[in-house]
Amino acid sequence: MATQEERTARLTILIDPRKKAAFEQLCAAEDVTPSQVVRRMIREYVESRIGTSWHDAPTPPRAARQPIRR
């Protein structure tokens, strides 16, 4: 299992309520949280496109990590 990642950012998404319910049921059946599954999917997506070297990239300054307010 991968090491625990630093969790300092929040990602908010909009999803169809029926898909959300089905996703949550599948996660519960597999005894994982939806957040764990989403983090894994994002990690796999990023690594498939830019490789694992992104782990070594420096953390952006705090100002660069702030969400865009509209």
PDB file of N, CA and C in Angstrom:
ATOM      1  N   MET A   1       0.841  -1.190   0.000  1.00  0.00           N
ATOM      2  CA  MET A   1       0.000   0.000   0.000  1.00  0.00           C
ATOM      3  C   MET A   1       0.877   1.241   0.000  1.00  0.00           C
ATOM      4  N   ALA A   2       0.445   2.279  -0.658  1.00  0.00           N
ATOM      5  CA  ALA A   2       1.215   3.515  -0.747  1.00  0.00           C
ATOM      6  C   ALA A   2       1.282   4.194   0.618  1.00  0.00           C
ATOM      7  N   THR A   3       2.315   4.997   0.790  1.00  0.00           N
ATOM      8  CA  THR A   3       2.433   5.738   2.044  1.00  0.00           C
ATOM      9  C   THR A   3       1.326   6.781   2.111  1.00  0.00           C
ATOM     10  N   GLN A   4       1.004   7.182   3.313  1.00  0.00           N
ATOM     11  CA  GLN A   4      -0.060   8.164   3.494  1.00  0.00           C
ATOM     12  C   GLN A   4       0.376   9.503   2.915  1.00  0.00           C
ATOM     13  N   GLU A   5      -0.468  10.093   2.114  1.00  0.00           N
ATOM     14  CA  GLU A   5      -0.161  11.358   1.475  1.00  0.00           C
ATOM     15  C   GLU A   5      -0.519  12.522   2.384  1.00  0.00           C
ATOM     16  N   GLU A   6       0.157  13.629   2.155  1.00  0.00           N
ATOM     17  CA  GLU A   6      -0.172  14.848   2.881  1.00  0.00           C
ATOM     18  C   GLU A   6      -1.503  15.373   2.355  1.00  0.00           C
ATOM     19  N   ARG A   7      -2.449  15.612   3.238  1.00  0.00           N
ATOM     20  CA  ARG A   7      -3.782  16.052   2.822  1.00  0.00           C
ATOM     21  C   ARG A   7      -4.008  17.490   3.267  1.00  0.00           C
ATOM     22  N   THR A   8      -3.694  18.413   2.372  1.00  0.00           N
ATOM     23  CA  THR A   8      -3.828  19.812   2.736  1.00  0.00           C
ATOM     24  C   THR A   8      -4.714  20.589   1.791  1.00  0.00           C
ATOM     25  N   ALA A   9      -5.182  19.984   0.713  1.00  0.00           N
ATOM     26  CA  ALA A   9      -6.005  20.698  -0.260  1.00  0.00           C
ATOM     27  C   ALA A   9      -7.356  20.007  -0.388  1.00  0.00           C
ATOM     28  N   ARG A  10      -8.339  20.782  -0.721  1.00  0.00           N
ATOM     29  CA  ARG A  10      -9.688  20.262  -0.883  1.00  0.00           C
ATOM     30  C   ARG A  10     -10.073  20.394  -2.352  1.00  0.00           C
ATOM     31  N   LEU A  11     -10.737  19.378  -2.876  1.00  0.00           N
ATOM     32  CA  LEU A  11     -11.236  19.380  -4.246  1.00  0.00           C
ATOM     33  C   LEU A  11     -12.746  19.216  -4.181  1.00  0.00           C
ATOM     34  N   THR A  12     -13.465  20.162  -4.739  1.00  0.00           N
ATOM     35  CA  THR A  12     -14.916  20.101  -4.742  1.00  0.00           C
ATOM     36  C   THR A  12     -15.383  19.816  -6.161  1.00  0.00           C
ATOM     37  N   ILE A  13     -16.245  18.825  -6.314  1.00  0.00           N
ATOM     38  CA  ILE A  13     -16.755  18.484  -7.638  1.00  0.00           C
ATOM     39  C   ILE A  13     -18.274  18.433  -7.606  1.00  0.00           C
ATOM     40  N   LEU A  14     -18.876  18.587  -8.766  1.00  0.00           N
ATOM     41  CA  LEU A  14     -20.316  18.408  -8.908  1.00  0.00           C
ATOM     42  C   LEU A  14     -20.529  17.090  -9.620  1.00  0.00           C
ATOM     43  N   ILE A  15     -21.470  16.299  -9.119  1.00  0.00           N
ATOM     44  CA  ILE A  15     -21.723  14.983  -9.682  1.00  0.00           C
ATOM     45  C   ILE A  15     -23.216  14.690  -9.605  1.00  0.00           C
ATOM     46  N   ASP A  16     -23.702  13.955 -10.564  1.00  0.00           N
ATOM     47  CA  ASP A  16     -25.099  13.539 -10.576  1.00  0.00           C
ATOM     48  C   ASP A  16     -25.399  12.760  -9.285  1.00  0.00           C
ATOM     49  N   PRO A  17     -26.478  13.078  -8.605  1.00  0.00           N
ATOM     50  CA  PRO A  17     -26.791  12.403  -7.331  1.00  0.00           C
ATOM     51  C   PRO A  17     -26.876  10.876  -7.440  1.00  0.00           C
ATOM     52  N   ARG A  18     -27.388  10.375  -8.558  1.00  0.00           N
ATOM     53  CA  ARG A  18     -27.480   8.919  -8.712  1.00  0.00           C
ATOM     54  C   ARG A  18     -26.100   8.284  -8.850  1.00  0.00           C
ATOM     55  N   LYS A  19     -25.203   8.954  -9.573  1.00  0.00           N
ATOM     56  CA  LYS A  19     -23.831   8.439  -9.692  1.00  0.00           C
ATOM     57  C   LYS A  19     -23.135   8.478  -8.340  1.00  0.00           C
ATOM     58  N   LYS A  20     -23.369   9.556  -7.583  1.00  0.00           N
ATOM     59  CA  LYS A  20     -22.760   9.675  -6.257  1.00  0.00           C
ATOM     60  C   LYS A  20     -23.230   8.542  -5.351  1.00  0.00           C
ATOM     61  N   ALA A  21     -24.524   8.261  -5.367  1.00  0.00           N
ATOM     62  CA  ALA A  21     -25.066   7.195  -4.520  1.00  0.00           C
ATOM     63  C   ALA A  21     -24.478   5.839  -4.926  1.00  0.00           C
ATOM     64  N   ALA A  22     -24.405   5.578  -6.223  1.00  0.00           N
ATOM     65  CA  ALA A  22     -23.843   4.306  -6.695  1.00  0.00           C
ATOM     66  C   ALA A  22     -22.372   4.206  -6.310  1.00  0.00           C
ATOM     67  N   PHE A  23     -21.626   5.295  -6.459  1.00  0.00           N
ATOM     68  CA  PHE A  23     -20.208   5.327  -6.098  1.00  0.00           C
ATOM     69  C   PHE A  23     -20.029   5.045  -4.610  1.00  0.00           C
ATOM     70  N   GLU A  24     -20.836   5.693  -3.768  1.00  0.00           N
ATOM     71  CA  GLU A  24     -20.735   5.487  -2.327  1.00  0.00           C
ATOM     72  C   GLU A  24     -21.087   4.047  -1.936  1.00  0.00           C
ATOM     73  N   GLN A  25     -22.066   3.463  -2.604  1.00  0.00           N
ATOM     74  CA  GLN A  25     -22.421   2.071  -2.317  1.00  0.00           C
ATOM     75  C   GLN A  25     -21.291   1.124  -2.703  1.00  0.00           C
ATOM     76  N   LEU A  26     -20.684   1.356  -3.861  1.00  0.00           N
ATOM     77  CA  LEU A  26     -19.559   0.524  -4.292  1.00  0.00           C
ATOM     78  C   LEU A  26     -18.387   0.654  -3.316  1.00  0.00           C
ATOM     79  N   CYS A  27     -18.101   1.868  -2.900  1.00  0.00           N
ATOM     80  CA  CYS A  27     -17.010   2.083  -1.951  1.00  0.00           C
ATOM     81  C   CYS A  27     -17.287   1.349  -0.641  1.00  0.00           C
ATOM     82  N   ALA A  28     -18.508   1.463  -0.144  1.00  0.00           N
ATOM     83  CA  ALA A  28     -18.869   0.795   1.110  1.00  0.00           C
ATOM     84  C   ALA A  28     -18.723  -0.717   0.980  1.00  0.00           C
ATOM     85  N   ALA A  29     -19.131  -1.247  -0.167  1.00  0.00           N
ATOM     86  CA  ALA A  29     -19.022  -2.691  -0.387  1.00  0.00           C
ATOM     87  C   ALA A  29     -17.574  -3.156  -0.406  1.00  0.00           C
ATOM     88  N   GLU A  30     -16.671  -2.253  -0.812  1.00  0.00           N
ATOM     89  CA  GLU A  30     -15.245  -2.584  -0.862  1.00  0.00           C
ATOM     90  C   GLU A  30     -14.497  -2.128   0.390  1.00  0.00           C
ATOM     91  N   ASP A  31     -15.239  -1.597   1.365  1.00  0.00           N
ATOM     92  CA  ASP A  31     -14.681  -1.123   2.636  1.00  0.00           C
ATOM     93  C   ASP A  31     -13.584  -0.077   2.437  1.00  0.00           C
ATOM     94  N   VAL A  32     -13.840   0.866   1.529  1.00  0.00           N
ATOM     95  CA  VAL A  32     -12.947   2.006   1.317  1.00  0.00           C
ATOM     96  C   VAL A  32     -13.808   3.262   1.323  1.00  0.00           C
ATOM     97  N   THR A  33     -13.192   4.376   1.628  1.00  0.00           N
ATOM     98  CA  THR A  33     -13.943   5.627   1.597  1.00  0.00           C
ATOM     99  C   THR A  33     -13.925   6.192   0.181  1.00  0.00           C
ATOM    100  N   PRO A  34     -14.941   6.981  -0.159  1.00  0.00           N
ATOM    101  CA  PRO A  34     -14.909   7.638  -1.465  1.00  0.00           C
ATOM    102  C   PRO A  34     -13.645   8.484  -1.657  1.00  0.00           C
ATOM    103  N   SER A  35     -13.191   9.143  -0.605  1.00  0.00           N
ATOM    104  CA  SER A  35     -11.971   9.951  -0.714  1.00  0.00           C
ATOM    105  C   SER A  35     -10.757   9.095  -1.074  1.00  0.00           C
ATOM    106  N   GLN A  36     -10.652   7.917  -0.476  1.00  0.00           N
ATOM    107  CA  GLN A  36      -9.532   7.030  -0.806  1.00  0.00           C
ATOM    108  C   GLN A  36      -9.547   6.653  -2.280  1.00  0.00           C
ATOM    109  N   VAL A  37     -10.729   6.342  -2.797  1.00  0.00           N
ATOM    110  CA  VAL A  37     -10.846   5.938  -4.202  1.00  0.00           C
ATOM    111  C   VAL A  37     -10.516   7.110  -5.117  1.00  0.00           C
ATOM    112  N   VAL A  38     -11.024   8.294  -4.809  1.00  0.00           N
ATOM    113  CA  VAL A  38     -10.749   9.465  -5.647  1.00  0.00           C
ATOM    114  C   VAL A  38      -9.260   9.795  -5.626  1.00  0.00           C
ATOM    115  N   ARG A  39      -8.629   9.759  -4.445  1.00  0.00           N
ATOM    116  CA  ARG A  39      -7.180  10.022  -4.377  1.00  0.00           C
ATOM    117  C   ARG A  39      -6.412   9.018  -5.225  1.00  0.00           C
ATOM    118  N   ARG A  40      -6.801   7.732  -5.154  1.00  0.00           N
ATOM    119  CA  ARG A  40      -6.130   6.705  -5.947  1.00  0.00           C
ATOM    120  C   ARG A  40      -6.316   6.968  -7.447  1.00  0.00           C
ATOM    121  N   MET A  41      -7.540   7.320  -7.857  1.00  0.00           N
ATOM    122  CA  MET A  41      -7.792   7.593  -9.277  1.00  0.00           C
ATOM    123  C   MET A  41      -6.981   8.794  -9.763  1.00  0.00           C
ATOM    124  N   ILE A  42      -6.911   9.838  -8.957  1.00  0.00           N
ATOM    125  CA  ILE A  42      -6.139  11.018  -9.339  1.00  0.00           C
ATOM    126  C   ILE A  42      -4.659  10.672  -9.439  1.00  0.00           C
ATOM    127  N   ARG A  43      -4.147   9.935  -8.441  1.00  0.00           N
ATOM    128  CA  ARG A  43      -2.732   9.534  -8.454  1.00  0.00           C
ATOM    129  C   ARG A  43      -2.426   8.719  -9.715  1.00  0.00           C
ATOM    130  N   GLU A  44      -3.276   7.737 -10.032  1.00  0.00           N
ATOM    131  CA  GLU A  44      -3.063   6.909 -11.221  1.00  0.00           C
ATOM    132  C   GLU A  44      -3.142   7.738 -12.494  1.00  0.00           C
ATOM    133  N   TYR A  45      -4.062   8.676 -12.564  1.00  0.00           N
ATOM    134  CA  TYR A  45      -4.211   9.544 -13.732  1.00  0.00           C
ATOM    135  C   TYR A  45      -2.956  10.389 -13.941  1.00  0.00           C
ATOM    136  N   VAL A  46      -2.493  11.035 -12.874  1.00  0.00           N
ATOM    137  CA  VAL A  46      -1.305  11.881 -12.973  1.00  0.00           C
ATOM    138  C   VAL A  46      -0.087  11.048 -13.360  1.00  0.00           C
ATOM    139  N   GLU A  47       0.110   9.917 -12.690  1.00  0.00           N
ATOM    140  CA  GLU A  47       1.278   9.080 -12.974  1.00  0.00           C
ATOM    141  C   GLU A  47       1.242   8.511 -14.389  1.00  0.00           C
ATOM    142  N   SER A  48       0.066   8.238 -14.923  1.00  0.00           N
ATOM    143  CA  SER A  48      -0.011   7.697 -16.282  1.00  0.00           C
ATOM    144  C   SER A  48       0.365   8.747 -17.322  1.00  0.00           C
ATOM    145  N   ARG A  49       0.253  10.012 -16.958  1.00  0.00           N
ATOM    146  CA  ARG A  49       0.559  11.067 -17.907  1.00  0.00           C
ATOM    147  C   ARG A  49       1.935  11.690 -17.738  1.00  0.00           C
ATOM    148  N   ILE A  50       2.374  11.850 -16.497  1.00  0.00           N
ATOM    149  CA  ILE A  50       3.670  12.514 -16.302  1.00  0.00           C
ATOM    150  C   ILE A  50       4.652  11.678 -15.494  1.00  0.00           C
ATOM    151  N   GLY A  51       4.279  10.471 -15.128  1.00  0.00           N
ATOM    152  CA  GLY A  51       5.189   9.588 -14.412  1.00  0.00           C
ATOM    153  C   GLY A  51       5.240   9.870 -12.929  1.00  0.00           C
ATOM    154  N   THR A  52       5.988   9.028 -12.231  1.00  0.00           N
ATOM    155  CA  THR A  52       6.068   9.160 -10.780  1.00  0.00           C
ATOM    156  C   THR A  52       7.004  10.277 -10.346  1.00  0.00           C
ATOM    157  N   SER A  53       7.713  10.885 -11.285  1.00  0.00           N
ATOM    158  CA  SER A  53       8.648  11.954 -10.918  1.00  0.00           C
ATOM    159  C   SER A  53       7.935  13.173 -10.338  1.00  0.00           C
ATOM    160  N   TRP A  54       6.622  13.272 -10.543  1.00  0.00           N
ATOM    161  CA  TRP A  54       5.896  14.410  -9.973  1.00  0.00           C
ATOM    162  C   TRP A  54       5.971  14.410  -8.449  1.00  0.00           C
ATOM    163  N   HIS A  55       6.226  13.248  -7.827  1.00  0.00           N
ATOM    164  CA  HIS A  55       6.374  13.180  -6.367  1.00  0.00           C
ATOM    165  C   HIS A  55       7.546  14.024  -5.886  1.00  0.00           C
ATOM    166  N   ASP A  56       8.572  14.139  -6.721  1.00  0.00           N
ATOM    167  CA  ASP A  56       9.786  14.850  -6.333  1.00  0.00           C
ATOM    168  C   ASP A  56       9.708  16.354  -6.567  1.00  0.00           C
ATOM    169  N   ALA A  57       8.658  16.809  -7.227  1.00  0.00           N
ATOM    170  CA  ALA A  57       8.527  18.234  -7.515  1.00  0.00           C
ATOM    171  C   ALA A  57       8.301  19.000  -6.213  1.00  0.00           C
ATOM    172  N   PRO A  58       8.872  20.185  -6.105  1.00  0.00           N
ATOM    173  CA  PRO A  58       8.674  20.974  -4.882  1.00  0.00           C
ATOM    174  C   PRO A  58       7.215  21.388  -4.738  1.00  0.00           C
ATOM    175  N   THR A  59       6.782  21.512  -3.498  1.00  0.00           N
ATOM    176  CA  THR A  59       5.424  21.959  -3.211  1.00  0.00           C
ATOM    177  C   THR A  59       5.314  23.425  -3.599  1.00  0.00           C
ATOM    178  N   PRO A  60       4.254  23.802  -4.337  1.00  0.00           N
ATOM    179  CA  PRO A  60       4.120  25.210  -4.715  1.00  0.00           C
ATOM    180  C   PRO A  60       3.921  26.088  -3.490  1.00  0.00           C
ATOM    181  N   PRO A  61       4.310  27.364  -3.577  1.00  0.00           N
ATOM    182  CA  PRO A  61       4.098  28.276  -2.450  1.00  0.00           C
ATOM    183  C   PRO A  61       2.620  28.340  -2.083  1.00  0.00           C
ATOM    184  N   ARG A  62       2.336  28.655  -0.828  1.00  0.00           N
ATOM    185  CA  ARG A  62       0.963  28.659  -0.346  1.00  0.00           C
ATOM    186  C   ARG A  62       0.059  29.512  -1.220  1.00  0.00           C
ATOM    187  N   ALA A  63       0.493  30.665  -1.659  1.00  0.00           N
ATOM    188  CA  ALA A  63      -0.337  31.546  -2.480  1.00  0.00           C
ATOM    189  C   ALA A  63      -0.768  30.844  -3.764  1.00  0.00           C
ATOM    190  N   ALA A  64       0.085  30.006  -4.314  1.00  0.00           N
ATOM    191  CA  ALA A  64      -0.242  29.302  -5.558  1.00  0.00           C
ATOM    192  C   ALA A  64      -1.247  28.188  -5.319  1.00  0.00           C
ATOM    193  N   ARG A  65      -1.406  27.758  -4.074  1.00  0.00           N
ATOM    194  CA  ARG A  65      -2.316  26.661  -3.767  1.00  0.00           C
ATOM    195  C   ARG A  65      -3.705  27.134  -3.371  1.00  0.00           C
ATOM    196  N   GLN A  66      -3.925  28.432  -3.259  1.00  0.00           N
ATOM    197  CA  GLN A  66      -5.216  28.935  -2.838  1.00  0.00           C
ATOM    198  C   GLN A  66      -6.248  28.727  -3.938  1.00  0.00           C
ATOM    199  N   PRO A  67      -7.471  28.378  -3.592  1.00  0.00           N
ATOM    200  CA  PRO A  67      -8.507  28.198  -4.604  1.00  0.00           C
ATOM    201  C   PRO A  67      -8.863  29.517  -5.270  1.00  0.00           C
ATOM    202  N   ILE A  68      -9.296  29.432  -6.488  1.00  0.00           N
ATOM    203  CA  ILE A  68      -9.715  30.632  -7.223  1.00  0.00           C
ATOM    204  C   ILE A  68     -11.109  30.989  -6.760  1.00  0.00           C
ATOM    205  N   ARG A  69     -11.284  32.219  -6.318  1.00  0.00           N
ATOM    206  CA  ARG A  69     -12.586  32.700  -5.841  1.00  0.00           C
ATOM    207  C   ARG A  69     -13.246  33.488  -6.972  1.00  0.00           C
ATOM    208  N   ARG A  70     -14.488  33.167  -7.259  1.00  0.00           N
ATOM    209  CA  ARG A  70     -15.198  33.878  -8.324  1.00  0.00           C
ATOM    210  C   ARG A  70     -16.390  34.607  -7.784  1.00  0.00           C
TER     211      ARG A  70
END
